Amino acid sequence: MSKKQKPGSHRAQPTPQWQPIARLPALHHHLSGMLEAGEEQYQNLLEAKPKPWMLDDYTINRVIKAFTGWKRDVPLFEAQEQRWERQAETDAQRAELEQMRQVLVKLRQVTENVLTLSEELKRGTLERQLAKSDAELGLEVLLRGFPTREKRGL
């Protein structure tokens, strides 16, 4: 790294700001809220799956950006939980840490589910459909009506 490199221009991860165990209830509540929001987003995307053209590139890219951030943050939350596990002094703290650990497992999964489905839906957004020729769109409509080998169980 040169001496004249601008501050913050390197891509190293900053040192996490570890929290005292007194913050356990607040973080557990925050993570539970994230999980609820993630599950809701996944359900919304599932509803859009049969008609991905109802989504635009801007919307789907925002979802991908947000959940990519979540994917990056989950390991930090897990590391905080592990630190607190070593510091837990009461049964109540240990019980809440176990609940938080379960939330983190679900949060990791719902984050992956949202990202996977978003990438799939991204291929059929409104802008992607408008970029196709009339012939391409017509062929897609016709092919949707005919059973494929997979639909026939072959």
N, C-alpha and C. Protein backbone atom coordinates (compact mmCIF):
# COMPACT_ATOMS: atom_id res chain seq x y z
N MET A 1 0.86 -1.17 0.00
CA MET A 1 0.00 0.00 0.00
C MET A 1 0.90 1.23 0.00
N SER A 2 0.63 2.16 -0.88
CA SER A 2 1.44 3.36 -0.95
C SER A 2 1.13 4.28 0.22
N LYS A 3 2.08 5.12 0.55
CA LYS A 3 1.90 6.05 1.67
C LYS A 3 0.83 7.08 1.37
N LYS A 4 0.56 7.35 0.08
CA LYS A 4 -0.40 8.38 -0.29
C LYS A 4 -1.79 7.82 -0.55
N GLN A 5 -1.99 6.54 -0.23
CA GLN A 5 -3.31 5.95 -0.46
C GLN A 5 -4.35 6.63 0.43
N LYS A 6 -5.50 6.89 -0.14
CA LYS A 6 -6.56 7.57 0.59
C LYS A 6 -7.06 6.69 1.74
N PRO A 7 -7.39 7.30 2.87
CA PRO A 7 -7.96 6.52 3.96
C PRO A 7 -9.27 5.87 3.52
N GLY A 8 -9.45 4.62 3.93
CA GLY A 8 -10.68 3.92 3.59
C GLY A 8 -10.70 3.35 2.18
N SER A 9 -9.61 3.50 1.42
CA SER A 9 -9.63 3.00 0.05
C SER A 9 -9.27 1.53 -0.03
N HIS A 10 -8.76 0.95 1.05
CA HIS A 10 -8.48 -0.48 1.02
C HIS A 10 -9.75 -1.25 1.38
N ARG A 11 -9.81 -2.51 1.05
CA ARG A 11 -11.03 -3.29 1.20
C ARG A 11 -11.00 -4.19 2.44
N ALA A 12 -10.12 -3.94 3.38
CA ALA A 12 -10.06 -4.77 4.58
C ALA A 12 -11.33 -4.59 5.40
N GLN A 13 -11.76 -5.68 6.02
CA GLN A 13 -12.94 -5.63 6.87
C GLN A 13 -12.60 -4.88 8.15
N PRO A 14 -13.46 -3.99 8.59
CA PRO A 14 -13.20 -3.30 9.85
C PRO A 14 -13.36 -4.27 11.02
N THR A 15 -12.70 -3.97 12.10
CA THR A 15 -12.82 -4.79 13.30
C THR A 15 -14.23 -4.64 13.84
N PRO A 16 -14.91 -5.75 14.13
CA PRO A 16 -16.27 -5.65 14.66
C PRO A 16 -16.30 -4.90 15.99
N GLN A 17 -17.41 -4.23 16.21
CA GLN A 17 -17.63 -3.55 17.48
C GLN A 17 -18.37 -4.53 18.39
N TRP A 18 -17.63 -5.33 19.13
CA TRP A 18 -18.23 -6.33 20.00
C TRP A 18 -19.05 -5.66 21.08
N GLN A 19 -20.20 -6.24 21.36
CA GLN A 19 -21.13 -5.66 22.31
C GLN A 19 -21.09 -6.40 23.64
N PRO A 20 -21.40 -5.71 24.72
CA PRO A 20 -21.47 -6.39 26.02
C PRO A 20 -22.71 -7.28 26.06
N ILE A 21 -22.68 -8.30 26.89
CA ILE A 21 -23.78 -9.26 26.95
C ILE A 21 -25.09 -8.60 27.38
N ALA A 22 -25.02 -7.45 27.98
CA ALA A 22 -26.24 -6.71 28.34
C ALA A 22 -27.06 -6.35 27.09
N ARG A 23 -26.43 -6.33 25.92
CA ARG A 23 -27.11 -6.01 24.66
C ARG A 23 -27.79 -7.23 24.04
N LEU A 24 -27.67 -8.39 24.68
CA LEU A 24 -28.24 -9.63 24.15
C LEU A 24 -29.73 -9.49 23.82
N PRO A 25 -30.58 -9.03 24.73
CA PRO A 25 -32.00 -8.92 24.38
C PRO A 25 -32.26 -8.02 23.17
N ALA A 26 -31.54 -6.92 23.07
CA ALA A 26 -31.74 -6.00 21.95
C ALA A 26 -31.34 -6.64 20.63
N LEU A 27 -30.20 -7.33 20.60
CA LEU A 27 -29.76 -7.97 19.36
C LEU A 27 -30.69 -9.13 19.00
N HIS A 28 -31.11 -9.89 19.98
CA HIS A 28 -32.04 -10.99 19.72
C HIS A 28 -33.33 -10.44 19.10
N HIS A 29 -33.84 -9.37 19.65
CA HIS A 29 -35.06 -8.74 19.11
C HIS A 29 -34.82 -8.25 17.67
N HIS A 30 -33.68 -7.62 17.45
CA HIS A 30 -33.33 -7.12 16.11
C HIS A 30 -33.27 -8.27 15.10
N LEU A 31 -32.60 -9.36 15.47
CA LEU A 31 -32.47 -10.50 14.57
C LEU A 31 -33.82 -11.16 14.30
N SER A 32 -34.67 -11.21 15.31
CA SER A 32 -36.01 -11.77 15.12
C SER A 32 -36.80 -10.92 14.13
N GLY A 33 -36.64 -9.61 14.21
CA GLY A 33 -37.29 -8.71 13.25
C GLY A 33 -36.75 -8.91 11.85
N MET A 34 -35.44 -9.09 11.73
CA MET A 34 -34.85 -9.36 10.42
C MET A 34 -35.41 -10.65 9.83
N LEU A 35 -35.50 -11.68 10.67
CA LEU A 35 -36.02 -12.96 10.21
C LEU A 35 -37.46 -12.81 9.71
N GLU A 36 -38.27 -12.11 10.46
CA GLU A 36 -39.66 -11.89 10.06
C GLU A 36 -39.72 -11.15 8.72
N ALA A 37 -38.92 -10.11 8.58
CA ALA A 37 -38.89 -9.34 7.33
C ALA A 37 -38.39 -10.20 6.17
N GLY A 38 -37.38 -11.03 6.44
CA GLY A 38 -36.85 -11.90 5.40
C GLY A 38 -37.86 -12.93 4.94
N GLU A 39 -38.59 -13.51 5.90
CA GLU A 39 -39.62 -14.48 5.54
C GLU A 39 -40.73 -13.82 4.72
N GLU A 40 -41.09 -12.61 5.09
CA GLU A 40 -42.11 -11.87 4.34
C GLU A 40 -41.63 -11.58 2.92
N GLN A 41 -40.37 -11.16 2.80
CA GLN A 41 -39.82 -10.88 1.47
C GLN A 41 -39.81 -12.14 0.62
N TYR A 42 -39.44 -13.25 1.21
CA TYR A 42 -39.41 -14.52 0.47
C TYR A 42 -40.82 -14.87 -0.02
N GLN A 43 -41.82 -14.70 0.81
CA GLN A 43 -43.20 -14.99 0.40
C GLN A 43 -43.62 -14.08 -0.76
N ASN A 44 -43.25 -12.82 -0.68
CA ASN A 44 -43.56 -11.88 -1.76
C ASN A 44 -42.92 -12.33 -3.07
N LEU A 45 -41.67 -12.77 -2.99
CA LEU A 45 -40.98 -13.23 -4.19
C LEU A 45 -41.61 -14.52 -4.73
N LEU A 46 -42.02 -15.40 -3.83
CA LEU A 46 -42.69 -16.63 -4.28
C LEU A 46 -43.97 -16.30 -5.04
N GLU A 47 -44.71 -15.29 -4.58
CA GLU A 47 -45.92 -14.87 -5.27
C GLU A 47 -45.61 -14.32 -6.66
N ALA A 48 -44.44 -13.72 -6.81
CA ALA A 48 -44.04 -13.14 -8.10
C ALA A 48 -43.46 -14.19 -9.04
N LYS A 49 -43.13 -15.36 -8.53
CA LYS A 49 -42.45 -16.37 -9.36
C LYS A 49 -43.21 -16.71 -10.64
N PRO A 50 -44.54 -16.91 -10.61
CA PRO A 50 -45.21 -17.23 -11.87
C PRO A 50 -45.30 -16.05 -12.83
N LYS A 51 -45.04 -14.85 -12.35
CA LYS A 51 -45.14 -13.67 -13.21
C LYS A 51 -44.01 -12.68 -12.88
N PRO A 52 -42.77 -13.08 -13.15
CA PRO A 52 -41.63 -12.24 -12.79
C PRO A 52 -41.60 -10.89 -13.48
N TRP A 53 -42.30 -10.76 -14.60
CA TRP A 53 -42.35 -9.47 -15.31
C TRP A 53 -43.06 -8.39 -14.49
N MET A 54 -43.68 -8.78 -13.38
CA MET A 54 -44.30 -7.79 -12.50
C MET A 54 -43.23 -7.04 -11.70
N LEU A 55 -42.02 -7.57 -11.69
CA LEU A 55 -40.90 -6.92 -10.99
C LEU A 55 -40.05 -6.17 -12.00
N ASP A 56 -39.47 -5.07 -11.55
CA ASP A 56 -38.53 -4.35 -12.42
C ASP A 56 -37.11 -4.57 -11.92
N ASP A 57 -36.15 -4.23 -12.75
CA ASP A 57 -34.74 -4.43 -12.40
C ASP A 57 -34.37 -3.68 -11.12
N TYR A 58 -34.85 -2.46 -10.97
CA TYR A 58 -34.51 -1.66 -9.79
C TYR A 58 -34.93 -2.38 -8.51
N THR A 59 -36.15 -2.88 -8.49
CA THR A 59 -36.67 -3.54 -7.29
C THR A 59 -35.89 -4.80 -6.98
N ILE A 60 -35.69 -5.65 -7.97
CA ILE A 60 -35.01 -6.91 -7.72
C ILE A 60 -33.55 -6.67 -7.34
N ASN A 61 -32.92 -5.67 -7.94
CA ASN A 61 -31.53 -5.36 -7.58
C ASN A 61 -31.42 -4.82 -6.16
N ARG A 62 -32.42 -4.08 -5.71
CA ARG A 62 -32.42 -3.60 -4.31
C ARG A 62 -32.55 -4.76 -3.34
N VAL A 63 -33.40 -5.72 -3.67
CA VAL A 63 -33.54 -6.91 -2.82
C VAL A 63 -32.22 -7.65 -2.76
N ILE A 64 -31.60 -7.86 -3.90
CA ILE A 64 -30.32 -8.58 -3.95
C ILE A 64 -29.26 -7.83 -3.15
N LYS A 65 -29.20 -6.53 -3.30
CA LYS A 65 -28.21 -5.74 -2.56
C LYS A 65 -28.44 -5.84 -1.05
N ALA A 66 -29.69 -5.71 -0.62
CA ALA A 66 -30.00 -5.76 0.81
C ALA A 66 -29.66 -7.13 1.40
N PHE A 67 -30.07 -8.19 0.72
CA PHE A 67 -29.86 -9.52 1.27
C PHE A 67 -28.42 -10.00 1.11
N THR A 68 -27.69 -9.44 0.18
CA THR A 68 -26.25 -9.71 0.11
C THR A 68 -25.57 -9.12 1.35
N GLY A 69 -26.03 -7.94 1.77
CA GLY A 69 -25.53 -7.35 3.02
C GLY A 69 -25.87 -8.22 4.22
N TRP A 70 -27.08 -8.75 4.24
CA TRP A 70 -27.47 -9.65 5.34
C TRP A 70 -26.56 -10.87 5.35
N LYS A 71 -26.29 -11.42 4.16
CA LYS A 71 -25.44 -12.61 4.07
C LYS A 71 -24.05 -12.32 4.63
N ARG A 72 -23.57 -11.13 4.40
CA ARG A 72 -22.26 -10.72 4.91
C ARG A 72 -22.31 -10.51 6.43
N ASP A 73 -23.46 -10.05 6.95
CA ASP A 73 -23.57 -9.72 8.37
C ASP A 73 -23.85 -10.92 9.26
N VAL A 74 -24.51 -11.94 8.75
CA VAL A 74 -24.88 -13.09 9.59
C VAL A 74 -23.67 -13.70 10.30
N PRO A 75 -22.53 -13.90 9.63
CA PRO A 75 -21.38 -14.45 10.36
C PRO A 75 -20.91 -13.55 11.51
N LEU A 76 -21.07 -12.24 11.36
CA LEU A 76 -20.71 -11.34 12.46
C LEU A 76 -21.65 -11.53 13.65
N PHE A 77 -22.94 -11.68 13.37
CA PHE A 77 -23.90 -11.94 14.44
C PHE A 77 -23.60 -13.28 15.11
N GLU A 78 -23.22 -14.27 14.31
CA GLU A 78 -22.88 -15.58 14.87
C GLU A 78 -21.63 -15.49 15.75
N ALA A 79 -20.67 -14.71 15.31
CA ALA A 79 -19.45 -14.54 16.12
C ALA A 79 -19.78 -13.83 17.43
N GLN A 80 -20.68 -12.85 17.38
CA GLN A 80 -21.08 -12.16 18.62
C GLN A 80 -21.77 -13.14 19.55
N GLU A 81 -22.64 -13.96 19.00
CA GLU A 81 -23.34 -14.97 19.82
C GLU A 81 -22.34 -15.91 20.47
N GLN A 82 -21.32 -16.34 19.73
CA GLN A 82 -20.31 -17.25 20.29
C GLN A 82 -19.51 -16.58 21.40
N ARG A 83 -19.21 -15.31 21.25
CA ARG A 83 -18.52 -14.57 22.32
C ARG A 83 -19.38 -14.52 23.57
N TRP A 84 -20.66 -14.23 23.37
CA TRP A 84 -21.56 -14.15 24.52
C TRP A 84 -21.75 -15.52 25.17
N GLU A 85 -21.70 -16.57 24.36
CA GLU A 85 -21.84 -17.93 24.92
C GLU A 85 -20.75 -18.18 25.97
N ARG A 86 -19.56 -17.69 25.71
CA ARG A 86 -18.45 -17.86 26.67
C ARG A 86 -18.61 -16.95 27.89
N GLN A 87 -19.39 -15.88 27.75
CA GLN A 87 -19.57 -14.91 28.85
C GLN A 87 -20.84 -15.15 29.66
N ALA A 88 -21.75 -15.99 29.15
CA ALA A 88 -23.04 -16.17 29.81
C ALA A 88 -22.85 -16.68 31.23
N GLU A 89 -23.56 -16.03 32.16
CA GLU A 89 -23.44 -16.39 33.57
C GLU A 89 -24.73 -16.95 34.14
N THR A 90 -25.86 -16.69 33.48
CA THR A 90 -27.13 -17.12 34.03
C THR A 90 -27.84 -18.07 33.08
N ASP A 91 -28.77 -18.85 33.64
CA ASP A 91 -29.57 -19.75 32.81
C ASP A 91 -30.42 -18.94 31.82
N ALA A 92 -30.90 -17.78 32.24
CA ALA A 92 -31.71 -16.94 31.36
C ALA A 92 -30.89 -16.48 30.16
N GLN A 93 -29.65 -16.10 30.37
CA GLN A 93 -28.78 -15.70 29.26
C GLN A 93 -28.53 -16.88 28.32
N ARG A 94 -28.25 -18.04 28.89
CA ARG A 94 -27.99 -19.22 28.05
C ARG A 94 -29.24 -19.60 27.24
N ALA A 95 -30.42 -19.49 27.86
CA ALA A 95 -31.66 -19.80 27.14
C ALA A 95 -31.89 -18.81 26.01
N GLU A 96 -31.66 -17.53 26.27
CA GLU A 96 -31.87 -16.53 25.21
C GLU A 96 -30.84 -16.71 24.10
N LEU A 97 -29.62 -17.09 24.45
CA LEU A 97 -28.61 -17.35 23.43
C LEU A 97 -29.01 -18.53 22.56
N GLU A 98 -29.61 -19.55 23.15
CA GLU A 98 -30.07 -20.70 22.36
C GLU A 98 -31.17 -20.27 21.40
N GLN A 99 -32.09 -19.44 21.86
CA GLN A 99 -33.16 -18.94 20.99
C GLN A 99 -32.56 -18.10 19.86
N MET A 100 -31.58 -17.26 20.21
CA MET A 100 -30.95 -16.42 19.21
C MET A 100 -30.20 -17.27 18.18
N ARG A 101 -29.58 -18.33 18.63
CA ARG A 101 -28.86 -19.24 17.72
C ARG A 101 -29.85 -19.85 16.72
N GLN A 102 -31.03 -20.22 17.19
CA GLN A 102 -32.06 -20.78 16.29
C GLN A 102 -32.52 -19.73 15.28
N VAL A 103 -32.67 -18.50 15.72
CA VAL A 103 -33.04 -17.41 14.81
C VAL A 103 -31.96 -17.23 13.75
N LEU A 104 -30.70 -17.30 14.16
CA LEU A 104 -29.60 -17.12 13.21
C LEU A 104 -29.57 -18.23 12.17
N VAL A 105 -29.85 -19.46 12.57
CA VAL A 105 -29.90 -20.56 11.61
C VAL A 105 -30.98 -20.29 10.56
N LYS A 106 -32.16 -19.90 11.02
CA LYS A 106 -33.27 -19.60 10.11
C LYS A 106 -32.96 -18.37 9.26
N LEU A 107 -32.32 -17.37 9.86
CA LEU A 107 -31.98 -16.15 9.12
C LEU A 107 -30.99 -16.45 8.01
N ARG A 108 -30.02 -17.28 8.28
CA ARG A 108 -29.05 -17.67 7.25
C ARG A 108 -29.78 -18.36 6.09
N GLN A 109 -30.73 -19.25 6.41
CA GLN A 109 -31.44 -19.99 5.37
C GLN A 109 -32.37 -19.09 4.57
N VAL A 110 -33.12 -18.24 5.25
CA VAL A 110 -34.06 -17.37 4.52
C VAL A 110 -33.28 -16.38 3.65
N THR A 111 -32.13 -15.94 4.10
CA THR A 111 -31.29 -15.04 3.30
C THR A 111 -30.86 -15.74 2.02
N GLU A 112 -30.40 -16.97 2.14
CA GLU A 112 -30.00 -17.74 0.95
C GLU A 112 -31.20 -17.96 0.02
N ASN A 113 -32.35 -18.29 0.61
CA ASN A 113 -33.55 -18.52 -0.19
C ASN A 113 -33.94 -17.27 -0.98
N VAL A 114 -33.91 -16.11 -0.33
CA VAL A 114 -34.27 -14.86 -0.99
C VAL A 114 -33.28 -14.56 -2.12
N LEU A 115 -32.00 -14.74 -1.86
CA LEU A 115 -31.00 -14.45 -2.90
C LEU A 115 -31.13 -15.40 -4.09
N THR A 116 -31.35 -16.67 -3.82
CA THR A 116 -31.50 -17.66 -4.90
C THR A 116 -32.72 -17.34 -5.76
N LEU A 117 -33.84 -17.10 -5.10
CA LEU A 117 -35.07 -16.80 -5.84
C LEU A 117 -34.96 -15.46 -6.58
N SER A 118 -34.32 -14.49 -5.96
CA SER A 118 -34.14 -13.18 -6.62
C SER A 118 -33.33 -13.32 -7.90
N GLU A 119 -32.27 -14.12 -7.85
CA GLU A 119 -31.45 -14.32 -9.05
C GLU A 119 -32.27 -15.00 -10.15
N GLU A 120 -33.13 -15.93 -9.76
CA GLU A 120 -34.00 -16.59 -10.74
C GLU A 120 -34.98 -15.59 -11.35
N LEU A 121 -35.62 -14.80 -10.50
CA LEU A 121 -36.61 -13.83 -10.99
C LEU A 121 -35.98 -12.72 -11.80
N LYS A 122 -34.74 -12.43 -11.54
CA LYS A 122 -34.03 -11.36 -12.25
C LYS A 122 -34.02 -11.61 -13.77
N ARG A 123 -34.05 -12.88 -14.14
CA ARG A 123 -34.00 -13.22 -15.58
C ARG A 123 -35.31 -12.90 -16.30
N GLY A 124 -36.39 -12.62 -15.54
CA GLY A 124 -37.67 -12.39 -16.19
C GLY A 124 -38.32 -11.07 -15.86
N THR A 125 -37.54 -10.10 -15.39
CA THR A 125 -38.11 -8.81 -15.00
C THR A 125 -38.74 -8.10 -16.19
N LEU A 126 -39.48 -7.06 -15.88
CA LEU A 126 -40.15 -6.27 -16.90
C LEU A 126 -39.18 -5.82 -17.99
N GLU A 127 -38.04 -5.28 -17.58
CA GLU A 127 -37.07 -4.78 -18.57
C GLU A 127 -36.54 -5.92 -19.44
N ARG A 128 -36.35 -7.09 -18.84
CA ARG A 128 -35.86 -8.24 -19.63
C ARG A 128 -36.92 -8.67 -20.65
N GLN A 129 -38.19 -8.62 -20.26
CA GLN A 129 -39.26 -8.99 -21.18
C GLN A 129 -39.40 -7.97 -22.31
N LEU A 130 -39.29 -6.68 -21.96
CA LEU A 130 -39.42 -5.63 -22.98
C LEU A 130 -38.26 -5.65 -23.98
N ALA A 131 -37.13 -6.19 -23.57
CA ALA A 131 -35.98 -6.25 -24.46
C ALA A 131 -36.10 -7.38 -25.49
N LYS A 132 -37.06 -8.27 -25.30
CA LYS A 132 -37.23 -9.39 -26.23
C LYS A 132 -38.05 -8.97 -27.45
N SER A 133 -37.80 -9.66 -28.52
CA SER A 133 -38.58 -9.41 -29.74
C SER A 133 -39.96 -10.03 -29.59
N ASP A 134 -40.89 -9.61 -30.42
CA ASP A 134 -42.23 -10.18 -30.42
C ASP A 134 -42.17 -11.69 -30.67
N ALA A 135 -41.28 -12.11 -31.55
CA ALA A 135 -41.16 -13.53 -31.88
C ALA A 135 -40.70 -14.32 -30.65
N GLU A 136 -39.72 -13.79 -29.93
CA GLU A 136 -39.24 -14.48 -28.72
C GLU A 136 -40.37 -14.61 -27.69
N LEU A 137 -41.09 -13.53 -27.46
CA LEU A 137 -42.18 -13.56 -26.49
C LEU A 137 -43.28 -14.53 -26.92
N GLY A 138 -43.61 -14.51 -28.19
CA GLY A 138 -44.64 -15.41 -28.69
C GLY A 138 -44.24 -16.87 -28.53
N LEU A 139 -43.00 -17.18 -28.84
CA LEU A 139 -42.51 -18.54 -28.69
C LEU A 139 -42.56 -18.98 -27.23
N GLU A 140 -42.17 -18.11 -26.32
CA GLU A 140 -42.22 -18.43 -24.89
C GLU A 140 -43.65 -18.74 -24.45
N VAL A 141 -44.59 -17.92 -24.90
CA VAL A 141 -46.00 -18.14 -24.53
C VAL A 141 -46.47 -19.48 -25.05
N LEU A 142 -46.15 -19.79 -26.29
CA LEU A 142 -46.56 -21.07 -26.87
C LEU A 142 -45.94 -22.25 -26.13
N LEU A 143 -44.66 -22.14 -25.82
CA LEU A 143 -43.96 -23.24 -25.14
C LEU A 143 -44.48 -23.46 -23.72
N ARG A 144 -44.94 -22.41 -23.07
CA ARG A 144 -45.49 -22.55 -21.73
C ARG A 144 -46.75 -23.41 -21.73
N GLY A 145 -47.45 -23.41 -22.83
CA GLY A 145 -48.70 -24.16 -22.92
C GLY A 145 -48.51 -25.63 -23.22
N PHE A 146 -47.34 -26.03 -23.71
CA PHE A 146 -47.10 -27.42 -24.06
C PHE A 146 -46.33 -28.11 -22.94
N PRO A 147 -46.71 -29.33 -22.62
CA PRO A 147 -45.98 -30.05 -21.56
C PRO A 147 -44.56 -30.39 -22.01
N THR A 148 -43.63 -30.11 -21.16
CA THR A 148 -42.25 -30.47 -21.43
C THR A 148 -42.01 -31.87 -20.91
N ARG A 149 -40.85 -32.40 -21.15
CA ARG A 149 -40.50 -33.73 -20.65
C ARG A 149 -40.63 -33.74 -19.12
N GLU A 150 -40.20 -32.66 -18.46
CA GLU A 150 -40.25 -32.61 -17.01
C GLU A 150 -41.69 -32.62 -16.53
N LYS A 151 -42.59 -31.88 -17.21
CA LYS A 151 -43.99 -31.81 -16.80
C LYS A 151 -44.69 -33.14 -17.01
N ARG A 152 -44.23 -33.90 -18.02
CA ARG A 152 -44.86 -35.20 -18.30
C ARG A 152 -44.28 -36.30 -17.41
N GLY A 153 -43.25 -35.96 -16.61
CA GLY A 153 -42.66 -36.95 -15.71
C GLY A 153 -41.65 -37.85 -16.38
N LEU A 154 -41.10 -37.42 -17.51
CA LEU A 154 -40.11 -38.23 -18.22
C LEU A 154 -38.72 -37.92 -17.78
